[in-house]
C-alpha atoms as a PDB file:
ATOM      1  CA  MET A   1     -24.688  78.139 -55.438  1.00  0.00           C
ATOM      2  CA  GLY A   2     -27.375  77.660 -57.673  1.00  0.00           C
ATOM      3  CA  ARG A   3     -30.905  79.374 -57.282  1.00  0.00           C
ATOM      4  CA  TRP A   4     -32.382  76.078 -55.842  1.00  0.00           C
ATOM      5  CA  THR A   5     -29.306  73.578 -55.189  1.00  0.00           C
ATOM      6  CA  LYS A   6     -25.732  73.751 -53.068  1.00  0.00           C
ATOM      7  CA  VAL A   7     -23.530  70.438 -53.266  1.00  0.00           C
ATOM      8  CA  GLU A   8     -21.214  70.021 -50.647  1.00  0.00           C
ATOM      9  CA  LYS A   9     -17.554  70.536 -51.417  1.00  0.00           C
ATOM     10  CA  GLY A  10     -16.587  67.842 -53.557  1.00  0.00           C
ATOM     11  CA  GLY A  11     -19.587  66.199 -53.760  1.00  0.00           C
ATOM     12  CA  ALA A  12     -20.387  67.293 -57.258  1.00  0.00           C
ATOM     13  CA  ASP A  13     -18.050  65.000 -58.728  1.00  0.00           C
ATOM     14  CA  ASN A  14     -19.532  61.892 -56.781  1.00  0.00           C
ATOM     15  CA  PHE A  15     -23.198  62.805 -57.943  1.00  0.00           C
ATOM     16  CA  GLY A  16     -24.550  59.896 -60.130  1.00  0.00           C
ATOM     17  CA  LYS A  17     -21.835  57.540 -58.448  1.00  0.00           C
ATOM     18  CA  GLY A  18     -22.090  57.357 -54.775  1.00  0.00           C
ATOM     19  CA  GLN A  19     -23.475  59.189 -51.499  1.00  0.00           C
ATOM     20  CA  VAL A  20     -23.993  62.927 -51.694  1.00  0.00           C
ATOM     21  CA  SER A  21     -25.554  65.385 -49.575  1.00  0.00           C
ATOM     22  CA  ILE A  22     -27.043  68.687 -50.980  1.00  0.00           C
ATOM     23  CA  GLN A  23     -28.561  71.708 -49.518  1.00  0.00           C
ATOM     24  CA  HIS A  24     -31.826  73.049 -51.329  1.00  0.00           C
ATOM     25  CA  ASN A  25     -34.242  76.016 -51.220  1.00  0.00           C
ATOM     26  CA  LEU A  26     -37.308  74.281 -52.793  1.00  0.00           C
ATOM     27  CA  ASN A  27     -39.567  75.391 -50.085  1.00  0.00           C
ATOM     28  CA  ASP A  28     -38.956  79.009 -50.988  1.00  0.00           C
ATOM     29  CA  SER A  29     -41.066  78.025 -54.023  1.00  0.00           C
ATOM     30  CA  GLY A  30     -44.239  77.915 -51.837  1.00  0.00           C
ATOM     31  CA  PHE A  31     -45.438  74.468 -53.455  1.00  0.00           C
ATOM     32  CA  PHE A  32     -45.212  72.480 -50.403  1.00  0.00           C
ATOM     33  CA  THR A  33     -47.594  74.136 -47.614  1.00  0.00           C
ATOM     34  CA  ASP A  34     -50.867  72.085 -46.451  1.00  0.00           C
ATOM     35  CA  ASP A  35     -53.069  74.220 -48.869  1.00  0.00           C
ATOM     36  CA  ALA A  36     -50.811  73.647 -51.996  1.00  0.00           C
ATOM     37  CA  LEU A  37     -50.307  70.078 -51.281  1.00  0.00           C
ATOM     38  CA  ALA A  38     -54.212  69.779 -50.752  1.00  0.00           C
ATOM     39  CA  ASP A  39     -54.879  71.367 -53.945  1.00  0.00           C
ATOM     40  CA  LEU A  40     -52.209  69.495 -55.810  1.00  0.00           C
ATOM     41  CA  ILE A  41     -53.868  66.134 -54.565  1.00  0.00           C
ATOM     42  CA  ASP A  42     -57.533  67.478 -55.573  1.00  0.00           C
ATOM     43  CA  ARG A  43     -56.021  67.558 -59.469  1.00  0.00           C
ATOM     44  CA  TYR A  44     -54.203  64.128 -59.450  1.00  0.00           C
ATOM     45  CA  PRO A  45     -55.808  61.397 -61.674  1.00  0.00           C
ATOM     46  CA  ARG A  46     -56.167  57.911 -60.159  1.00  0.00           C
ATOM     47  CA  GLU A  47     -53.542  56.387 -62.637  1.00  0.00           C
ATOM     48  CA  PHE A  48     -50.805  58.940 -61.285  1.00  0.00           C
ATOM     49  CA  TYR A  49     -51.078  58.280 -57.547  1.00  0.00           C
ATOM     50  CA  MET A  50     -50.521  55.604 -55.033  1.00  0.00           C
ATOM     51  CA  LEU A  51     -51.703  55.397 -51.392  1.00  0.00           C
ATOM     52  CA  ASN A  52     -49.740  52.804 -49.468  1.00  0.00           C
ATOM     53  CA  THR A  53     -49.359  51.469 -46.010  1.00  0.00           C
ATOM     54  CA  MET A  54     -46.938  48.626 -44.591  1.00  0.00           C
ATOM     55  CA  THR A  55     -48.462  46.253 -41.923  1.00  0.00           C
ATOM     56  CA  LYS A  56     -47.316  43.065 -40.449  1.00  0.00           C
ATOM     57  CA  VAL A  57     -49.135  39.672 -41.253  1.00  0.00           C
ATOM     58  CA  GLY A  58     -47.696  37.100 -38.659  1.00  0.00           C
ATOM     59  CA  GLU A  59     -43.851  37.565 -39.212  1.00  0.00           C
ATOM     60  CA  GLU A  60     -44.064  39.083 -42.797  1.00  0.00           C
ATOM     61  CA  LYS A  61     -44.165  42.597 -43.380  1.00  0.00           C
ATOM     62  CA  VAL A  62     -46.504  43.276 -46.069  1.00  0.00           C
ATOM     63  CA  TRP A  63     -46.525  46.507 -48.479  1.00  0.00           C
ATOM     64  CA  ARG A  64     -50.128  47.137 -49.430  1.00  0.00           C
ATOM     65  CA  SER A  65     -51.778  49.612 -51.731  1.00  0.00           C
ATOM     66  CA  GLY A  66     -55.175  51.188 -51.613  1.00  0.00           C
ATOM     67  CA  ASP A  67     -57.456  54.004 -52.889  1.00  0.00           C
ATOM     68  CA  LYS A  68     -58.543  57.357 -51.300  1.00  0.00           C
ATOM     69  CA  GLY A  69     -62.028  57.272 -52.860  1.00  0.00           C
ATOM     70  CA  ASP A  70     -63.979  60.535 -52.521  1.00  0.00           C
ATOM     71  CA  LEU A  71     -61.838  62.097 -49.774  1.00  0.00           C
ATOM     72  CA  SER A  72     -60.384  65.616 -50.696  1.00  0.00           C
ATOM     73  CA  GLY A  73     -56.807  66.715 -50.619  1.00  0.00           C
ATOM     74  CA  LYS A  74     -57.065  68.543 -47.186  1.00  0.00           C
ATOM     75  CA  GLU A  75     -59.076  64.964 -45.683  1.00  0.00           C
ATOM     76  CA  ILE A  76     -56.174  63.304 -47.372  1.00  0.00           C
ATOM     77  CA  ILE A  77     -53.368  65.641 -45.665  1.00  0.00           C
ATOM     78  CA  LYS A  78     -55.237  64.962 -42.274  1.00  0.00           C
ATOM     79  CA  ALA A  79     -55.364  61.536 -42.616  1.00  0.00           C
ATOM     80  CA  ILE A  80     -51.829  61.008 -43.519  1.00  0.00           C
ATOM     81  CA  HIS A  81     -50.774  63.186 -40.571  1.00  0.00           C
ATOM     82  CA  ASP A  82     -53.009  61.476 -38.082  1.00  0.00           C
ATOM     83  CA  GLY A  83     -52.562  57.679 -39.517  1.00  0.00           C
ATOM     84  CA  GLN A  84     -49.926  55.423 -40.895  1.00  0.00           C
ATOM     85  CA  VAL A  85     -50.359  56.045 -44.653  1.00  0.00           C
ATOM     86  CA  TRP A  86     -48.180  57.828 -47.238  1.00  0.00           C
ATOM     87  CA  MET A  87     -49.271  58.978 -50.917  1.00  0.00           C
ATOM     88  CA  CYS A  88     -46.951  59.056 -53.881  1.00  0.00           C
ATOM     89  CA  LEU A  89     -47.796  61.678 -56.279  1.00  0.00           C
ATOM     90  CA  ARG A  90     -46.139  60.458 -59.733  1.00  0.00           C
ATOM     91  CA  ARG A  91     -45.127  62.008 -62.875  1.00  0.00           C
ATOM     92  CA  PHE A  92     -45.376  65.775 -62.458  1.00  0.00           C
ATOM     93  CA  ASP A  93     -44.230  66.056 -66.209  1.00  0.00           C
ATOM     94  CA  VAL A  94     -47.617  64.981 -66.915  1.00  0.00           C
ATOM     95  CA  VAL A  95     -49.937  66.276 -64.111  1.00  0.00           C
ATOM     96  CA  ALA A  96     -47.807  69.107 -62.430  1.00  0.00           C
ATOM     97  CA  PRO A  97     -45.527  70.734 -64.916  1.00  0.00           C
ATOM     98  CA  GLU A  98     -44.575  73.652 -62.242  1.00  0.00           C
ATOM     99  CA  TYR A  99     -43.203  70.822 -60.026  1.00  0.00           C
ATOM    100  CA  HIS A 100     -41.514  69.183 -62.979  1.00  0.00           C
ATOM    101  CA  LYS A 101     -39.754  72.342 -63.775  1.00  0.00           C
ATOM    102  CA  LEU A 102     -38.810  72.990 -60.350  1.00  0.00           C
ATOM    103  CA  ILE A 103     -36.987  69.536 -59.868  1.00  0.00           C
ATOM    104  CA  ASP A 104     -35.648  69.864 -63.919  1.00  0.00           C
ATOM    105  CA  ASP A 105     -33.865  73.159 -62.942  1.00  0.00           C
ATOM    106  CA  SER A 106     -32.308  71.762 -59.856  1.00  0.00           C
ATOM    107  CA  PHE A 107     -31.021  68.942 -61.776  1.00  0.00           C
ATOM    108  CA  GLU A 108     -29.685  71.412 -64.478  1.00  0.00           C
ATOM    109  CA  GLU A 109     -27.573  73.095 -61.760  1.00  0.00           C
ATOM    110  CA  LEU A 110     -26.153  70.032 -60.647  1.00  0.00           C
ATOM    111  CA  GLU A 111     -25.018  69.176 -63.883  1.00  0.00           C
ATOM    112  CA  GLU A 112     -23.363  72.441 -64.390  1.00  0.00           C
ATOM    113  CA  GLY A 113     -21.509  71.738 -61.218  1.00  0.00           C
ATOM    114  CA  ASN A 114     -20.071  68.683 -62.779  1.00  0.00           C
ATOM    115  CA  PRO A 115     -19.741  68.718 -66.633  1.00  0.00           C
ATOM    116  CA  ASN A 116     -19.145  64.822 -66.842  1.00  0.00           C
ATOM    117  CA  LEU A 117     -22.403  64.179 -65.209  1.00  0.00           C
ATOM    118  CA  LYS A 118     -25.079  63.236 -67.817  1.00  0.00           C
ATOM    119  CA  THR A 119     -28.526  62.324 -66.249  1.00  0.00           C
ATOM    120  CA  PHE A 120     -31.731  61.147 -68.193  1.00  0.00           C
ATOM    121  CA  LYS A 121     -34.818  59.198 -67.689  1.00  0.00           C
ATOM    122  CA  ARG A 122     -35.602  61.492 -64.898  1.00  0.00           C
ATOM    123  CA  GLU A 123     -38.939  61.211 -63.090  1.00  0.00           C
ATOM    124  CA  SER A 124     -40.028  62.683 -60.022  1.00  0.00           C
ATOM    125  CA  SER A 125     -42.594  61.975 -57.469  1.00  0.00           C
ATOM    126  CA  LEU A 126     -44.032  63.790 -54.288  1.00  0.00           C
ATOM    127  CA  LEU A 127     -44.037  61.732 -51.155  1.00  0.00           C
ATOM    128  CA  ILE A 128     -46.043  62.675 -48.196  1.00  0.00           C
ATOM    129  CA  SER A 129     -46.104  60.471 -45.108  1.00  0.00           C
ATOM    130  CA  SER A 130     -46.984  59.833 -41.580  1.00  0.00           C
ATOM    131  CA  PRO A 131     -44.972  61.290 -38.563  1.00  0.00           C
ATOM    132  CA  THR A 132     -44.373  57.785 -37.621  1.00  0.00           C
ATOM    133  CA  ALA A 133     -44.535  55.790 -41.334  1.00  0.00           C
ATOM    134  CA  ARG A 134     -41.744  53.505 -42.002  1.00  0.00           C
ATOM    135  CA  VAL A 135     -40.267  52.140 -45.278  1.00  0.00           C
ATOM    136  CA  PHE A 136     -38.962  48.949 -44.766  1.00  0.00           C
ATOM    137  CA  TYR A 137     -35.741  47.729 -46.380  1.00  0.00           C
ATOM    138  CA  HIS A 138     -35.616  47.806 -50.201  1.00  0.00           C
ATOM    139  CA  THR A 139     -33.750  48.553 -53.406  1.00  0.00           C
ATOM    140  CA  ASP A 140     -34.558  50.936 -56.048  1.00  0.00           C
ATOM    141  CA  ILE A 141     -33.668  50.008 -59.687  1.00  0.00           C
ATOM    142  CA  PRO A 142     -32.336  53.525 -60.934  1.00  0.00           C
ATOM    143  CA  PHE A 143     -30.354  56.135 -58.882  1.00  0.00           C
ATOM    144  CA  ILE A 144     -32.386  58.037 -56.283  1.00  0.00           C
ATOM    145  CA  CYS A 145     -32.132  61.773 -55.131  1.00  0.00           C
ATOM    146  CA  LEU A 146     -34.429  62.401 -51.944  1.00  0.00           C
ATOM    147  CA  TRP A 147     -35.373  66.004 -51.580  1.00  0.00           C
ATOM    148  CA  HIS A 148     -36.590  66.540 -48.295  1.00  0.00           C
ATOM    149  CA  LEU A 149     -38.920  69.377 -47.573  1.00  0.00           C
ATOM    150  CA  ARG A 150     -40.949  68.907 -44.137  1.00  0.00           C
ATOM    151  CA  GLY A 151     -40.544  67.102 -41.229  1.00  0.00           C
ATOM    152  CA  LYS A 152     -37.638  64.949 -40.224  1.00  0.00           C
ATOM    153  CA  LYS A 153     -36.459  61.200 -41.317  1.00  0.00           C
ATOM    154  CA  ARG A 154     -33.913  58.821 -40.899  1.00  0.00           C
ATOM    155  CA  VAL A 155     -32.352  56.975 -43.822  1.00  0.00           C
ATOM    156  CA  TRP A 156     -30.523  53.990 -43.361  1.00  0.00           C
ATOM    157  CA  LEU A 157     -28.082  52.930 -45.930  1.00  0.00           C
ATOM    158  CA  TYR A 158     -26.423  49.908 -46.791  1.00  0.00           C
ATOM    159  CA  ASP A 159     -23.479  48.619 -49.040  1.00  0.00           C
ATOM    160  CA  ALA A 160     -24.887  47.917 -52.749  1.00  0.00           C
ATOM    161  CA  GLU A 161     -21.856  45.767 -53.449  1.00  0.00           C
ATOM    162  CA  ASN A 162     -22.518  43.041 -50.358  1.00  0.00           C
ATOM    163  CA  LYS A 163     -23.960  40.230 -51.759  1.00  0.00           C
ATOM    164  CA  THR A 164     -25.226  39.004 -48.496  1.00  0.00           C
ATOM    165  CA  HIS A 165     -27.271  42.181 -48.417  1.00  0.00           C
ATOM    166  CA  LEU A 166     -28.364  42.067 -51.979  1.00  0.00           C
ATOM    167  CA  PRO A 167     -27.868  38.732 -53.719  1.00  0.00           C
ATOM    168  CA  ASP A 168     -27.819  39.050 -57.403  1.00  0.00           C
ATOM    169  CA  GLU A 169     -30.749  36.902 -57.920  1.00  0.00           C
ATOM    170  CA  THR A 170     -32.732  39.413 -55.547  1.00  0.00           C
ATOM    171  CA  LEU A 171     -31.670  42.400 -57.686  1.00  0.00           C
ATOM    172  CA  GLU A 172     -32.242  40.515 -60.814  1.00  0.00           C
ATOM    173  CA  GLY A 173     -36.040  39.972 -59.508  1.00  0.00           C
ATOM    174  CA  VAL A 174     -36.648  43.523 -58.566  1.00  0.00           C
ATOM    175  CA  ILE A 175     -35.356  44.530 -62.006  1.00  0.00           C
ATOM    176  CA  LEU A 176     -37.536  42.188 -63.950  1.00  0.00           C
ATOM    177  CA  ARG A 177     -40.600  43.344 -61.645  1.00  0.00           C
ATOM    178  CA  GLU A 178     -41.448  39.965 -60.334  1.00  0.00           C
ATOM    179  CA  THR A 179     -41.871  41.264 -56.746  1.00  0.00           C
ATOM    180  CA  GLU A 180     -41.987  44.626 -54.964  1.00  0.00           C
ATOM    181  CA  GLU A 181     -38.838  46.297 -54.330  1.00  0.00           C
ATOM    182  CA  GLU A 182     -38.425  45.001 -50.499  1.00  0.00           C
ATOM    183  CA  VAL A 183     -35.619  42.666 -50.053  1.00  0.00           C
ATOM    184  CA  ALA A 184     -34.530  40.227 -47.296  1.00  0.00           C
ATOM    185  CA  TYR A 185     -33.420  42.086 -44.525  1.00  0.00           C
ATOM    186  CA  ASP A 186     -31.705  41.286 -41.122  1.00  0.00           C
ATOM    187  CA  ALA A 187     -31.044  43.829 -38.306  1.00  0.00           C
ATOM    188  CA  GLU A 188     -27.654  42.715 -37.835  1.00  0.00           C
ATOM    189  CA  TRP A 189     -26.741  44.543 -41.015  1.00  0.00           C
ATOM    190  CA  ASP A 190     -27.569  47.597 -39.039  1.00  0.00           C
ATOM    191  CA  LYS A 191     -24.058  47.673 -37.424  1.00  0.00           C
ATOM    192  CA  ASN A 192     -22.563  48.294 -40.788  1.00  0.00           C
ATOM    193  CA  ALA A 193     -25.127  50.640 -42.245  1.00  0.00           C
ATOM    194  CA  GLN A 194     -25.010  54.499 -42.392  1.00  0.00           C
ATOM    195  CA  SER A 195     -27.728  56.181 -40.655  1.00  0.00           C
ATOM    196  CA  VAL A 196     -28.515  59.791 -42.130  1.00  0.00           C
ATOM    197  CA  LEU A 197     -30.942  62.102 -40.362  1.00  0.00           C
ATOM    198  CA  LEU A 198     -32.945  64.359 -43.094  1.00  0.00           C
ATOM    199  CA  GLU A 199     -34.223  67.583 -42.129  1.00  0.00           C
ATOM    200  CA  PRO A 200     -36.099  70.372 -44.498  1.00  0.00           C
ATOM    201  CA  GLY A 201     -33.465  71.802 -47.032  1.00  0.00           C
ATOM    202  CA  GLN A 202     -31.416  68.778 -47.254  1.00  0.00           C
ATOM    203  CA  ALA A 203     -31.578  65.951 -49.949  1.00  0.00           C
ATOM    204  CA  LEU A 204     -29.625  62.747 -50.142  1.00  0.00           C
ATOM    205  CA  SER A 205     -28.366  60.604 -53.145  1.00  0.00           C
ATOM    206  CA  TRP A 206     -26.544  57.557 -53.057  1.00  0.00           C
ATOM    207  CA  GLU A 207     -24.967  54.540 -54.628  1.00  0.00           C
ATOM    208  CA  LEU A 208     -26.816  52.934 -57.480  1.00  0.00           C
ATOM    209  CA  ASN A 209     -29.042  49.672 -55.826  1.00  0.00           C
ATOM    210  CA  ALA A 210     -28.000  50.587 -52.585  1.00  0.00           C
ATOM    211  CA  PRO A 211     -30.450  48.903 -49.988  1.00  0.00           C
ATOM    212  CA  HIS A 212     -31.916  51.346 -47.762  1.00  0.00           C
ATOM    213  CA  ARG A 213     -34.943  51.936 -45.285  1.00  0.00           C
ATOM    214  CA  VAL A 214     -36.348  54.904 -43.666  1.00  0.00           C
ATOM    215  CA  ASP A 215     -38.036  55.788 -40.565  1.00  0.00           C
ATOM    216  CA  ASN A 216     -39.988  58.988 -40.151  1.00  0.00           C
ATOM    217  CA  VAL A 217     -38.729  60.755 -37.029  1.00  0.00           C
ATOM    218  CA  GLU A 218     -41.053  63.879 -36.403  1.00  0.00           C
ATOM    219  CA  GLY A 219     -44.097  65.467 -38.230  1.00  0.00           C
ATOM    220  CA  LEU A 220     -45.704  65.303 -41.489  1.00  0.00           C
ATOM    221  CA  ASN A 221     -43.104  64.314 -43.829  1.00  0.00           C
ATOM    222  CA  VAL A 222     -42.767  65.631 -47.270  1.00  0.00           C
ATOM    223  CA  SER A 223     -40.324  64.445 -49.675  1.00  0.00           C
ATOM    224  CA  ILE A 224     -39.777  64.802 -53.523  1.00  0.00           C
ATOM    225  CA  THR A 225     -38.034  61.414 -54.808  1.00  0.00           C
ATOM    226  CA  THR A 226     -36.481  61.650 -58.442  1.00  0.00           C
ATOM    227  CA  GLU A 227     -35.379  58.755 -60.229  1.00  0.00           C
ATOM    228  CA  PHE A 228     -32.650  59.105 -62.810  1.00  0.00           C
ATOM    229  CA  PHE A 229     -30.230  57.205 -64.751  1.00  0.00           C
ATOM    230  CA  THR A 230     -26.680  57.619 -66.035  1.00  0.00           C
ATOM    231  CA  PRO A 231     -25.090  55.750 -68.881  1.00  0.00           C
ATOM    232  CA  GLU A 232     -23.470  53.334 -66.435  1.00  0.00           C
ATOM    233  CA  ALA A 233     -26.715  52.881 -64.563  1.00  0.00           C
ATOM    234  CA  GLN A 234     -28.486  52.087 -67.847  1.00  0.00           C
ATOM    235  CA  ARG A 235     -25.825  49.443 -68.527  1.00  0.00           C
ATOM    236  CA  LYS A 236     -26.180  47.672 -65.279  1.00  0.00           C
ATOM    237  CA  TYR A 237     -29.883  47.667 -65.632  1.00  0.00           C
ATOM    238  CA  GLY A 238     -29.460  45.742 -69.125  1.00  0.00           C
ATOM    239  CA  VAL A 239     -26.922  43.277 -67.842  1.00  0.00           C
ATOM    240  CA  TYR A 240     -29.044  42.245 -64.784  1.00  0.00           C
ATOM    241  CA  TYR A 241     -32.313  42.342 -66.678  1.00  0.00           C
ATOM    242  CA  THR A 242     -30.651  39.767 -69.179  1.00  0.00           C
ATOM    243  CA  ASN A 243     -29.071  37.712 -66.568  1.00  0.00           C
ATOM    244  CA  GLY A 244     -32.165  37.306 -64.788  1.00  0.00           C
ATOM    245  CA  TYR A 245     -33.970  36.252 -68.206  1.00  0.00           C
ATOM    246  CA  MET A 246     -31.009  33.670 -68.783  1.00  0.00           C
ATOM    247  CA  ARG A 247     -31.198  32.257 -65.288  1.00  0.00           C
ATOM    248  CA  ARG A 248     -35.116  31.861 -65.082  1.00  0.00           C
ATOM    249  CA  TYR A 249     -36.021  30.890 -68.854  1.00  0.00           C
ATOM    250  CA  MET A 250     -32.939  29.545 -70.295  1.00  0.00           C
ATOM    251  CA  GLY A 251     -31.554  27.389 -67.544  1.00  0.00           C
ATOM    252  CA  MET A 252     -28.237  29.245 -67.409  1.00  0.00           C
ATOM    253  CA  GLN A 253     -26.423  30.665 -64.506  1.00  0.00           C
ATOM    254  CA  PRO A 254     -24.677  33.654 -65.624  1.00  0.00           C
ATOM    255  CA  LYS A 255     -21.765  34.860 -63.258  1.00  0.00           C
ATOM    256  CA  SER A 256     -20.515  38.012 -64.867  1.00  0.00           C
ATOM    257  CA  THR A 257     -22.095  41.205 -63.902  1.00  0.00           C
ATOM    258  CA  ASN A 258     -19.532  43.407 -65.723  1.00  0.00           C
ATOM    259  CA  ILE A 259     -21.210  46.455 -67.086  1.00  0.00           C
ATOM    260  CA  ASP A 260     -18.269  47.265 -69.417  1.00  0.00           C
ATOM    261  CA  GLY A 261     -16.894  45.709 -72.549  1.00  0.00           C
ATOM    262  CA  LEU A 262     -18.688  43.575 -75.501  1.00  0.00           C
ATOM    263  CA  GLY A 263     -20.332  41.351 -73.405  1.00  0.00           C
ATOM    264  CA  ALA A 264     -22.326  43.939 -71.426  1.00  0.00           C
ATOM    265  CA  TYR A 265     -23.351  45.722 -74.460  1.00  0.00           C
ATOM    266  CA  ALA A 266     -24.686  42.446 -75.768  1.00  0.00           C
ATOM    267  CA  LYS A 267     -26.781  42.111 -72.726  1.00  0.00           C
ATOM    268  CA  CYS A 268     -28.041  45.422 -73.136  1.00  0.00           C
ATOM    269  CA  ALA A 269     -29.334  44.820 -76.580  1.00  0.00           C
ATOM    270  CA  ALA A 270     -30.836  41.616 -75.603  1.00  0.00           C
ATOM    271  CA  ALA A 271     -32.561  43.099 -72.753  1.00  0.00           C
ATOM    272  CA  LEU A 272     -34.133  45.744 -75.072  1.00  0.00           C
ATOM    273  CA  GLY A 273     -35.328  42.769 -77.230  1.00  0.00           C
ATOM    274  CA  ILE A 274     -36.745  40.906 -74.696  1.00  0.00           C
ATOM    275  CA  LYS A 275     -38.710  44.069 -73.501  1.00  0.00           C
ATOM    276  CA  LYS A 276     -40.082  45.023 -77.009  1.00  0.00           C
ATOM    277  CA  LEU A 277     -41.246  41.482 -77.530  1.00  0.00           C
ATOM    278  CA  GLY A 278     -43.044  41.575 -74.208  1.00  0.00           C
ATOM    279  CA  LEU A 279     -41.711  38.164 -73.131  1.00  0.00           C
ATOM    280  CA  LEU A 280     -42.107  39.173 -69.384  1.00  0.00           C
ATOM    281  CA  LYS A 281     -44.877  41.207 -69.415  1.00  0.00           C
ATOM    282  CA  GLY A 282     -47.255  38.441 -67.963  1.00  0.00           C
ATOM    283  CA  LYS A 283     -44.758  37.852 -65.223  1.00  0.00           C
ATOM    284  CA  GLU A 284     -44.767  41.094 -63.689  1.00  0.00           C
ATOM    285  CA  ARG A 285     -46.248  41.850 -60.355  1.00  0.00           C
ATOM    286  CA  LYS A 286     -49.780  43.208 -60.311  1.00  0.00           C
ATOM    287  CA  MET A 287     -50.730  46.094 -57.867  1.00  0.00           C
ATOM    288  CA  MET A 288     -53.911  45.024 -56.090  1.00  0.00           C
ATOM    289  CA  CYS A 289     -56.002  47.823 -53.997  1.00  0.00           C
ATOM    290  CA  SER A 290     -56.190  46.092 -50.562  1.00  0.00           C
ATOM    291  CA  PHE A 291     -57.800  48.843 -48.633  1.00  0.00           C
ATOM    292  CA  THR A 292     -59.638  52.442 -48.937  1.00  0.00           C
ATOM    293  CA  MET A 293     -59.813  55.087 -46.136  1.00  0.00           C
ATOM    294  CA  ASP A 294     -62.493  55.315 -43.336  1.00  0.00           C
ATOM    295  CA  LYS A 295     -64.273  58.607 -44.060  1.00  0.00           C
ATOM    296  CA  ASN A 296     -65.655  58.806 -40.716  1.00  0.00           C
ATOM    297  CA  ASP A 297     -62.342  57.925 -38.936  1.00  0.00           C
ATOM    298  CA  LEU A 298     -59.302  59.440 -40.806  1.00  0.00           C
ATOM    299  CA  THR A 299     -56.914  57.205 -38.872  1.00  0.00           C
ATOM    300  CA  LYS A 300     -58.170  54.132 -39.989  1.00  0.00           C
ATOM    301  CA  ILE A 301     -58.056  52.057 -43.131  1.00  0.00           C
ATOM    302  CA  VAL A 302     -60.666  49.851 -44.295  1.00  0.00           C
ATOM    303  CA  ASP A 303     -59.649  46.513 -45.406  1.00  0.00           C
ATOM    304  CA  ILE A 304     -61.032  45.185 -48.870  1.00  0.00           C
ATOM    305  CA  PRO A 305     -61.904  41.221 -48.665  1.00  0.00           C
ATOM    306  CA  ALA A 306     -59.209  39.251 -51.271  1.00  0.00           C
ATOM    307  CA  ASN A 307     -62.145  38.492 -53.582  1.00  0.00           C
ATOM    308  CA  GLU A 308     -63.018  42.086 -54.066  1.00  0.00           C
ATOM    309  CA  GLN A 309     -59.683  43.616 -54.687  1.00  0.00           C
ATOM    310  CA  TRP A 310     -58.943  44.930 -58.058  1.00  0.00           C
ATOM    311  CA  GLU A 311     -55.746  46.091 -60.015  1.00  0.00           C
ATOM    312  CA  ILE A 312     -54.490  49.138 -59.721  1.00  0.00           C
ATOM    313  CA  LYS A 313     -53.446  50.528 -63.013  1.00  0.00           C
ATOM    314  CA  GLN A 314     -50.794  53.051 -63.352  1.00  0.00           C
ATOM    315  CA  ALA A 315     -49.870  55.058 -66.316  1.00  0.00           C
END
């Protein structure tokens, strides 16, 4: 067992491929108490945090982004605990090097347990969410490892290879950043989903692009989510990126999603060229600030009229 991690028997070989459960000792660092979290929030620049909520507008579930204004870290912790919001603190490598090292060391331990595992482009974010907050059905572009620290949450995992749950065109749209990461969902799919209850000291990683949703169950929830790529994940990204471009802008209907062979490498090279030329930059979604927090009642958010909303720039 490493200093920070312990992978269940047989799990190390599957990390970066499929579902793996991990035990960790990250809480021993002292970085995740209320006081430590409040201090961390206070030093976070606007371009590296997101404040979010999810609400229903009619029948549609909407992901919304907001701004904390002049609230202190302690006030934000209280607002999250008492309300229906969560905060994501991004880019530890830039803002919080001690947190970055903690997770980097943990990944080094995981790779030591599996010499064939090679991860890169690792980016970690701290998630602080309300006791009853929910994250709706969505997919992520890279692999994810969710290190759970405080509270309890239930993660629902769905089959990434099921084209009903995740059509190719939908995944292309997420990879091209045309939409948020939420995708169409049917509650009937829960019958075939896997439900995992996460408690402090547990972590979970799953199949690449597997759709999932999360229900907080108890207490203020604190987790670190780490995005990472493997060579296989990088190739899948390139293939779907180019397929999406061909489908939308060249009038083609690409059929192959194979990530091996010359065709896959050609698509990866094309994706790199498209990105370098900025051909789709203007097509990417914008994240608009649609609410602030009510300083007099931290359980409430204050809606910003549509004509007064501004784009939130993330570095």
